[in-house]
Protein backbone atom coordinates (compact mmCIF):
# COMPACT_ATOMS: atom_id res chain seq x y z
CA MET A 1 34.66 5.21 -7.87
CA LYS A 2 32.34 5.67 -10.76
CA THR A 3 30.45 2.84 -12.26
CA PRO A 4 31.45 2.32 -16.02
CA PHE A 5 28.79 3.16 -18.51
CA VAL A 6 27.64 0.03 -20.48
CA PRO A 7 29.14 0.33 -24.03
CA LEU A 8 27.05 -0.70 -26.93
CA ALA A 9 28.11 -0.79 -30.69
CA VAL A 10 25.98 1.36 -32.94
CA LYS A 11 26.33 2.37 -36.57
CA GLU A 12 27.68 5.78 -37.17
CA ALA A 13 24.69 7.01 -39.13
CA THR A 14 22.28 6.40 -36.34
CA ARG A 15 24.69 7.60 -33.35
CA CYS A 16 22.34 10.12 -32.04
CA ALA A 17 19.21 7.96 -31.94
CA ALA A 18 21.24 5.04 -30.64
CA ARG A 19 22.53 7.14 -27.70
CA HIS A 20 18.75 7.59 -26.64
CA SER A 21 18.36 3.88 -27.27
CA ILE A 22 21.29 2.99 -25.14
CA LEU A 23 20.02 5.03 -22.33
CA ILE A 24 16.72 3.46 -22.41
CA LEU A 25 17.84 -0.11 -23.10
CA SER A 26 21.01 -0.12 -20.77
CA LEU A 27 19.02 0.15 -17.65
CA LEU A 28 18.73 -3.49 -17.74
CA ALA A 29 22.54 -3.98 -17.49
CA LEU A 30 23.39 -1.26 -14.98
CA PRO A 31 24.69 -2.49 -11.80
CA VAL A 32 23.17 -1.49 -8.43
CA LEU A 33 24.08 1.97 -7.20
CA PRO A 34 26.69 1.72 -4.41
CA ALA A 35 25.31 2.79 -0.98
CA CYS A 36 27.97 5.65 -0.94
CA SER A 37 26.80 7.24 -4.40
CA LEU A 38 23.54 8.81 -2.70
CA LEU A 39 23.75 10.19 0.56
CA HIS A 40 20.45 9.76 2.46
CA GLY A 41 19.30 11.85 5.59
CA GLU A 42 16.28 10.97 7.43
CA GLU A 43 14.12 13.16 5.39
CA THR A 44 16.41 14.33 2.80
CA VAL A 45 18.19 12.89 -0.18
CA VAL A 46 21.39 14.57 -1.41
CA ILE A 47 21.76 13.99 -5.10
CA PRO A 48 25.65 14.35 -6.33
CA GLN A 49 25.87 17.37 -8.52
CA GLU A 50 27.86 16.09 -11.65
CA GLU A 51 29.37 18.58 -14.22
CA THR A 52 27.84 17.06 -17.36
CA ALA A 53 24.41 15.96 -18.27
CA ARG A 54 25.76 12.36 -18.92
CA ASP A 55 27.26 11.95 -15.46
CA GLN A 56 24.27 13.42 -13.95
CA ALA A 57 22.01 10.95 -15.93
CA ARG A 58 24.29 8.24 -14.92
CA VAL A 59 23.52 8.92 -11.24
CA ALA A 60 19.81 9.05 -11.85
CA GLU A 61 19.78 5.96 -13.83
CA LEU A 62 21.57 3.85 -11.07
CA GLN A 63 19.16 5.19 -8.55
CA TYR A 64 16.19 4.18 -10.78
CA ARG A 65 17.78 0.80 -11.21
CA ARG A 66 18.27 0.46 -7.45
CA ALA A 67 14.58 0.96 -7.00
CA SER A 68 13.49 -1.29 -9.59
CA GLN A 69 15.60 -4.10 -8.01
CA THR A 70 14.17 -3.44 -4.49
CA VAL A 71 11.85 -6.32 -3.39
CA ASP A 72 10.12 -4.76 -0.36
CA GLU A 73 7.24 -2.55 -1.68
CA LYS A 74 7.52 0.27 1.01
CA THR A 75 11.15 0.54 0.33
CA ARG A 76 10.87 0.29 -3.42
CA ARG A 77 8.47 3.25 -3.39
CA GLU A 78 10.98 5.32 -1.39
CA GLU A 79 13.69 4.43 -3.80
CA TYR A 80 11.59 5.44 -6.76
CA LEU A 81 10.82 8.64 -5.10
CA LYS A 82 14.73 9.14 -4.73
CA ALA A 83 15.06 8.22 -8.32
CA VAL A 84 12.50 10.90 -9.33
CA LYS A 85 14.46 13.49 -7.37
CA ALA A 86 17.78 12.30 -9.01
CA LEU A 87 15.88 12.42 -12.64
CA ASP A 88 14.62 15.97 -11.58
CA SER A 89 18.27 17.12 -11.05
CA VAL A 90 19.10 16.01 -14.82
CA THR A 91 15.92 17.84 -16.20
CA GLN A 92 16.45 20.96 -14.12
CA ARG A 93 20.22 21.35 -14.51
CA PHE A 94 20.43 20.46 -18.24
CA PRO A 95 17.17 21.67 -19.78
CA ASP A 96 18.74 22.10 -23.10
CA ASP A 97 20.57 18.72 -23.44
CA ARG A 98 18.99 16.85 -26.28
CA VAL A 99 20.34 13.36 -25.23
CA TYR A 100 20.11 12.79 -21.56
CA THR A 101 17.41 15.18 -20.45
CA PRO A 102 14.94 13.65 -22.71
CA ALA A 103 15.72 10.13 -21.40
CA ALA A 104 15.64 11.38 -17.78
CA GLN A 105 12.22 12.94 -18.47
CA LEU A 106 11.04 9.61 -19.90
CA LEU A 107 12.52 7.67 -17.01
CA LYS A 108 10.54 10.02 -14.46
CA GLY A 109 7.23 8.90 -16.36
CA GLN A 110 8.40 5.12 -16.00
CA ALA A 111 9.13 5.63 -12.35
CA TYR A 112 5.74 6.94 -11.64
CA PHE A 113 4.28 4.11 -13.71
CA ASP A 114 6.22 1.56 -11.77
CA MET A 115 4.88 3.03 -8.48
CA ARG A 116 1.37 2.67 -9.90
CA GLU A 117 0.92 6.58 -9.69
CA TYR A 118 -0.66 6.64 -13.26
CA ALA A 119 -1.58 10.35 -12.97
CA GLY A 120 2.01 11.21 -12.26
CA ALA A 121 3.24 9.02 -15.15
CA GLU A 122 0.55 10.71 -17.52
CA ARG A 123 1.90 14.10 -16.50
CA GLU A 124 5.63 13.20 -17.07
CA TYR A 125 4.96 11.33 -20.29
CA ARG A 126 2.94 14.34 -21.62
CA LYS A 127 5.94 16.43 -21.00
CA CYS A 128 7.94 14.17 -23.17
CA VAL A 129 5.39 13.93 -25.80
CA GLU A 130 5.12 17.79 -26.02
CA ARG A 131 8.96 18.68 -25.57
CA TYR A 132 10.67 15.98 -27.47
CA THR A 133 8.82 15.23 -30.75
CA ASP A 134 12.30 15.56 -32.54
CA VAL A 135 13.78 12.65 -30.27
CA GLU A 136 12.18 9.66 -32.01
CA ASP A 137 12.80 6.88 -29.57
CA VAL A 138 11.93 9.14 -26.49
CA HIS A 139 8.94 10.57 -28.29
CA ALA A 140 7.62 7.10 -29.28
CA SER A 141 8.30 5.79 -25.80
CA ALA A 142 6.43 8.37 -24.20
CA LEU A 143 3.40 7.93 -26.61
CA PHE A 144 3.32 4.27 -25.38
CA GLY A 145 3.77 5.22 -21.82
CA LEU A 146 0.98 7.95 -22.01
CA GLY A 147 -1.32 5.44 -23.67
CA ASN A 148 -0.69 2.83 -20.84
CA SER A 149 -1.04 5.23 -18.12
CA LEU A 150 -4.29 6.58 -19.51
CA TYR A 151 -5.59 3.00 -19.76
CA GLU A 152 -4.73 2.30 -16.14
CA LEU A 153 -6.61 5.55 -15.10
CA GLY A 154 -9.63 4.19 -16.82
CA ARG A 155 -9.41 6.72 -19.73
CA ILE A 156 -9.19 4.04 -22.28
CA ARG A 157 -10.46 5.93 -25.55
CA GLU A 158 -7.83 8.61 -24.79
CA GLY A 159 -5.06 6.03 -24.24
CA GLN A 160 -6.08 4.32 -27.59
CA LYS A 161 -5.57 7.78 -29.35
CA TYR A 162 -1.95 7.76 -28.32
CA PHE A 163 -1.48 4.17 -29.28
CA ARG A 164 -2.74 5.06 -32.70
CA GLN A 165 -0.72 8.15 -32.85
CA LEU A 166 2.37 5.86 -32.30
CA GLN A 167 1.39 3.59 -34.94
CA ASP A 168 0.64 6.26 -37.50
CA GLN A 169 3.69 8.43 -36.87
CA TYR A 170 6.36 5.80 -36.54
CA SER A 171 5.08 2.76 -38.61
CA ALA A 172 7.92 3.29 -41.07
CA THR A 173 10.80 3.82 -38.74
CA LYS A 174 13.95 2.11 -38.98
CA SER A 175 14.89 2.09 -35.46
CA PRO A 176 14.35 -1.52 -33.81
CA VAL A 177 13.41 0.08 -30.35
CA VAL A 178 10.64 2.22 -32.04
CA LYS A 179 9.50 -0.76 -34.18
CA GLN A 180 9.04 -2.74 -31.12
CA LEU A 181 7.10 -0.08 -29.53
CA VAL A 182 4.72 0.11 -32.64
CA GLU A 183 4.31 -3.56 -32.36
CA ARG A 184 3.45 -3.31 -28.70
CA ALA A 185 1.00 -0.57 -29.30
CA ILE A 186 -0.79 -2.56 -31.91
CA SER A 187 -0.97 -5.51 -29.62
CA LYS A 188 -2.26 -3.26 -26.83
CA SER A 189 -5.04 -1.84 -29.09
CA ARG A 190 -6.20 -5.47 -30.04
CA GLU A 191 -6.12 -6.40 -26.28
CA ILE A 192 -8.42 -3.41 -25.50
CA LYS A 193 -10.75 -4.19 -28.31
CA THR A 194 -11.07 -7.71 -27.02
CA GLU A 195 -11.60 -6.62 -23.50
CA ARG A 196 -14.53 -4.25 -24.62
CA ARG A 197 -16.36 -6.95 -26.38
CA PHE A 198 -16.81 -8.81 -23.30
């Protein structure tokens, strides 16, 4: 039985951007993946092969959600690694998709960040920044994630560069999701400046 997708009302004029926003924001509302949806071997994870990018992304998002809700740190890491494999199935099987694949690429960066593997997060966020400049909310989220990853790696000046790029490029956006990211980038830049004074 498939888990229903969380519907969100969006205006017709912003339908494409809203689809990305829905993918990013709906993660908080998705239920836990049923145990039968991913088949685990002792060393192998079998990812169901869905026919559409949307359905494949749904499987990956559910696995990511499962990982984020896992309490035990060791198990959580294992679940995030399964989520990365599931997200890989989206990016590899549907490379030309401009809705679900960019969101999956972004979520891979977030999965690595959540595991505190900041170099992996940096790599995945860079892919988003380079490949999806035309997908506003994914690009803006990737700039923010890249800045945070570099900050965590101790490359503070380089991280600030991406926070500034986010602010410069998207300060006039109409997207509420991107506006929030711009505000967070401004806040993070101030926080970094304060830290550097002490």
